[in-house]
Amino acid sequence: IIDTAKPLGIAVHDHIIIGRKGNASMKGLLLI
């Protein structure tokens, strides 16, 4: 996601995934 956004001048601060059993923050999981 970050590699795709960077050339477009878009800063990615977090990416949140929401599912039936809860949610996950990529930043919270130290993936960003």
PDB file of N, CA and C in Angstrom:
ATOM      1  N   ILE A   1       0.836  -1.188   0.000  1.00  0.00           N
ATOM      2  CA  ILE A   1       0.000   0.000   0.000  1.00  0.00           C
ATOM      3  C   ILE A   1       0.877   1.245   0.000  1.00  0.00           C
ATOM      4  N   ILE A   2       1.894   1.249   0.848  1.00  0.00           N
ATOM      5  CA  ILE A   2       2.781   2.410   0.934  1.00  0.00           C
ATOM      6  C   ILE A   2       3.542   2.604  -0.373  1.00  0.00           C
ATOM      7  N   ASP A   3       4.042   1.508  -0.949  1.00  0.00           N
ATOM      8  CA  ASP A   3       4.800   1.604  -2.200  1.00  0.00           C
ATOM      9  C   ASP A   3       3.941   2.126  -3.343  1.00  0.00           C
ATOM     10  N   THR A   4       2.668   1.814  -3.339  1.00  0.00           N
ATOM     11  CA  THR A   4       1.754   2.293  -4.374  1.00  0.00           C
ATOM     12  C   THR A   4       1.409   3.761  -4.166  1.00  0.00           C
ATOM     13  N   ALA A   5       1.226   4.176  -2.934  1.00  0.00           N
ATOM     14  CA  ALA A   5       0.812   5.544  -2.628  1.00  0.00           C
ATOM     15  C   ALA A   5       1.942   6.553  -2.764  1.00  0.00           C
ATOM     16  N   LYS A   6       3.170   6.146  -2.472  1.00  0.00           N
ATOM     17  CA  LYS A   6       4.304   7.074  -2.443  1.00  0.00           C
ATOM     18  C   LYS A   6       4.501   7.833  -3.759  1.00  0.00           C
ATOM     19  N   PRO A   7       4.509   7.173  -4.935  1.00  0.00           N
ATOM     20  CA  PRO A   7       4.697   7.923  -6.185  1.00  0.00           C
ATOM     21  C   PRO A   7       3.572   8.920  -6.476  1.00  0.00           C
ATOM     22  N   LEU A   8       2.428   8.709  -5.867  1.00  0.00           N
ATOM     23  CA  LEU A   8       1.288   9.605  -6.064  1.00  0.00           C
ATOM     24  C   LEU A   8       1.302  10.772  -5.086  1.00  0.00           C
ATOM     25  N   GLY A   9       2.298  10.799  -4.198  1.00  0.00           N
ATOM     26  CA  GLY A   9       2.396  11.871  -3.220  1.00  0.00           C
ATOM     27  C   GLY A   9       1.445  11.706  -2.053  1.00  0.00           C
ATOM     28  N   ILE A  10       0.990  10.470  -1.825  1.00  0.00           N
ATOM     29  CA  ILE A  10       0.050  10.198  -0.738  1.00  0.00           C
ATOM     30  C   ILE A  10       0.812   9.573   0.422  1.00  0.00           C
ATOM     31  N   ALA A  11       0.665  10.153   1.604  1.00  0.00           N
ATOM     32  CA  ALA A  11       1.305   9.607   2.802  1.00  0.00           C
ATOM     33  C   ALA A  11       0.336   8.654   3.492  1.00  0.00           C
ATOM     34  N   VAL A  12       0.807   7.475   3.806  1.00  0.00           N
ATOM     35  CA  VAL A  12      -0.017   6.491   4.508  1.00  0.00           C
ATOM     36  C   VAL A  12       0.398   6.494   5.977  1.00  0.00           C
ATOM     37  N   HIS A  13      -0.525   6.863   6.851  1.00  0.00           N
ATOM     38  CA  HIS A  13      -0.242   6.925   8.284  1.00  0.00           C
ATOM     39  C   HIS A  13      -0.686   5.652   8.991  1.00  0.00           C
ATOM     40  N   ASP A  14      -1.692   4.986   8.455  1.00  0.00           N
ATOM     41  CA  ASP A  14      -2.186   3.746   9.031  1.00  0.00           C
ATOM     42  C   ASP A  14      -3.090   3.087   8.003  1.00  0.00           C
ATOM     43  N   HIS A  15      -3.291   1.795   8.130  1.00  0.00           N
ATOM     44  CA  HIS A  15      -4.224   1.060   7.285  1.00  0.00           C
ATOM     45  C   HIS A  15      -4.992   0.149   8.224  1.00  0.00           C
ATOM     46  N   ILE A  16      -6.293   0.321   8.270  1.00  0.00           N
ATOM     47  CA  ILE A  16      -7.120  -0.430   9.211  1.00  0.00           C
ATOM     48  C   ILE A  16      -7.960  -1.448   8.448  1.00  0.00           C
ATOM     49  N   ILE A  17      -7.930  -2.688   8.915  1.00  0.00           N
ATOM     50  CA  ILE A  17      -8.729  -3.756   8.326  1.00  0.00           C
ATOM     51  C   ILE A  17      -9.839  -4.090   9.312  1.00  0.00           C
ATOM     52  N   ILE A  18     -11.076  -4.065   8.819  1.00  0.00           N
ATOM     53  CA  ILE A  18     -12.233  -4.347   9.666  1.00  0.00           C
ATOM     54  C   ILE A  18     -12.877  -5.643   9.181  1.00  0.00           C
ATOM     55  N   GLY A  19     -13.060  -6.573  10.102  1.00  0.00           N
ATOM     56  CA  GLY A  19     -13.666  -7.854   9.762  1.00  0.00           C
ATOM     57  C   GLY A  19     -14.789  -8.192  10.720  1.00  0.00           C
ATOM     58  N   ARG A  20     -15.377  -9.344  10.512  1.00  0.00           N
ATOM     59  CA  ARG A  20     -16.501  -9.771  11.358  1.00  0.00           C
ATOM     60  C   ARG A  20     -16.086  -9.994  12.809  1.00  0.00           C
ATOM     61  N   LYS A  21     -14.851 -10.410  13.016  1.00  0.00           N
ATOM     62  CA  LYS A  21     -14.399 -10.730  14.372  1.00  0.00           C
ATOM     63  C   LYS A  21     -13.560  -9.627  14.992  1.00  0.00           C
ATOM     64  N   GLY A  22     -13.572  -8.442  14.419  1.00  0.00           N
ATOM     65  CA  GLY A  22     -12.821  -7.333  14.997  1.00  0.00           C
ATOM     66  C   GLY A  22     -12.097  -6.531  13.939  1.00  0.00           C
ATOM     67  N   ASN A  23     -11.061  -5.837  14.353  1.00  0.00           N
ATOM     68  CA  ASN A  23     -10.304  -5.019  13.424  1.00  0.00           C
ATOM     69  C   ASN A  23      -8.824  -5.101  13.760  1.00  0.00           C
ATOM     70  N   ALA A  24      -8.019  -4.644  12.815  1.00  0.00           N
ATOM     71  CA  ALA A  24      -6.570  -4.647  13.010  1.00  0.00           C
ATOM     72  C   ALA A  24      -5.992  -3.394  12.380  1.00  0.00           C
ATOM     73  N   SER A  25      -5.093  -2.778  13.084  1.00  0.00           N
ATOM     74  CA  SER A  25      -4.380  -1.609  12.586  1.00  0.00           C
ATOM     75  C   SER A  25      -2.986  -2.054  12.173  1.00  0.00           C
ATOM     76  N   MET A  26      -2.612  -1.798  10.923  1.00  0.00           N
ATOM     77  CA  MET A  26      -1.275  -2.168  10.460  1.00  0.00           C
ATOM     78  C   MET A  26      -0.205  -1.442  11.271  1.00  0.00           C
ATOM     79  N   LYS A  27      -0.471  -0.198  11.644  1.00  0.00           N
ATOM     80  CA  LYS A  27       0.483   0.548  12.469  1.00  0.00           C
ATOM     81  C   LYS A  27       0.565  -0.064  13.863  1.00  0.00           C
ATOM     82  N   GLY A  28      -0.569  -0.439  14.409  1.00  0.00           N
ATOM     83  CA  GLY A  28      -0.597  -1.060  15.724  1.00  0.00           C
ATOM     84  C   GLY A  28       0.132  -2.400  15.757  1.00  0.00           C
ATOM     85  N   LEU A  29       0.140  -3.092  14.621  1.00  0.00           N
ATOM     86  CA  LEU A  29       0.841  -4.373  14.515  1.00  0.00           C
ATOM     87  C   LEU A  29       2.295  -4.192  14.095  1.00  0.00           C
ATOM     88  N   LEU A  30       2.733  -2.924  14.034  1.00  0.00           N
ATOM     89  CA  LEU A  30       4.105  -2.562  13.648  1.00  0.00           C
ATOM     90  C   LEU A  30       4.457  -3.008  12.233  1.00  0.00           C
ATOM     91  N   LEU A  31       3.454  -3.052  11.350  1.00  0.00           N
ATOM     92  CA  LEU A  31       3.686  -3.400   9.953  1.00  0.00           C
ATOM     93  C   LEU A  31       3.888  -2.162   9.088  1.00  0.00           C
ATOM     94  N   ILE A  32       3.610  -1.008   9.665  1.00  0.00           N
ATOM     95  CA  ILE A  32       3.849   0.267   8.969  1.00  0.00           C
ATOM     96  C   ILE A  32       4.733   1.094   9.867  1.00  0.00           C
TER      97      ILE A  32
END
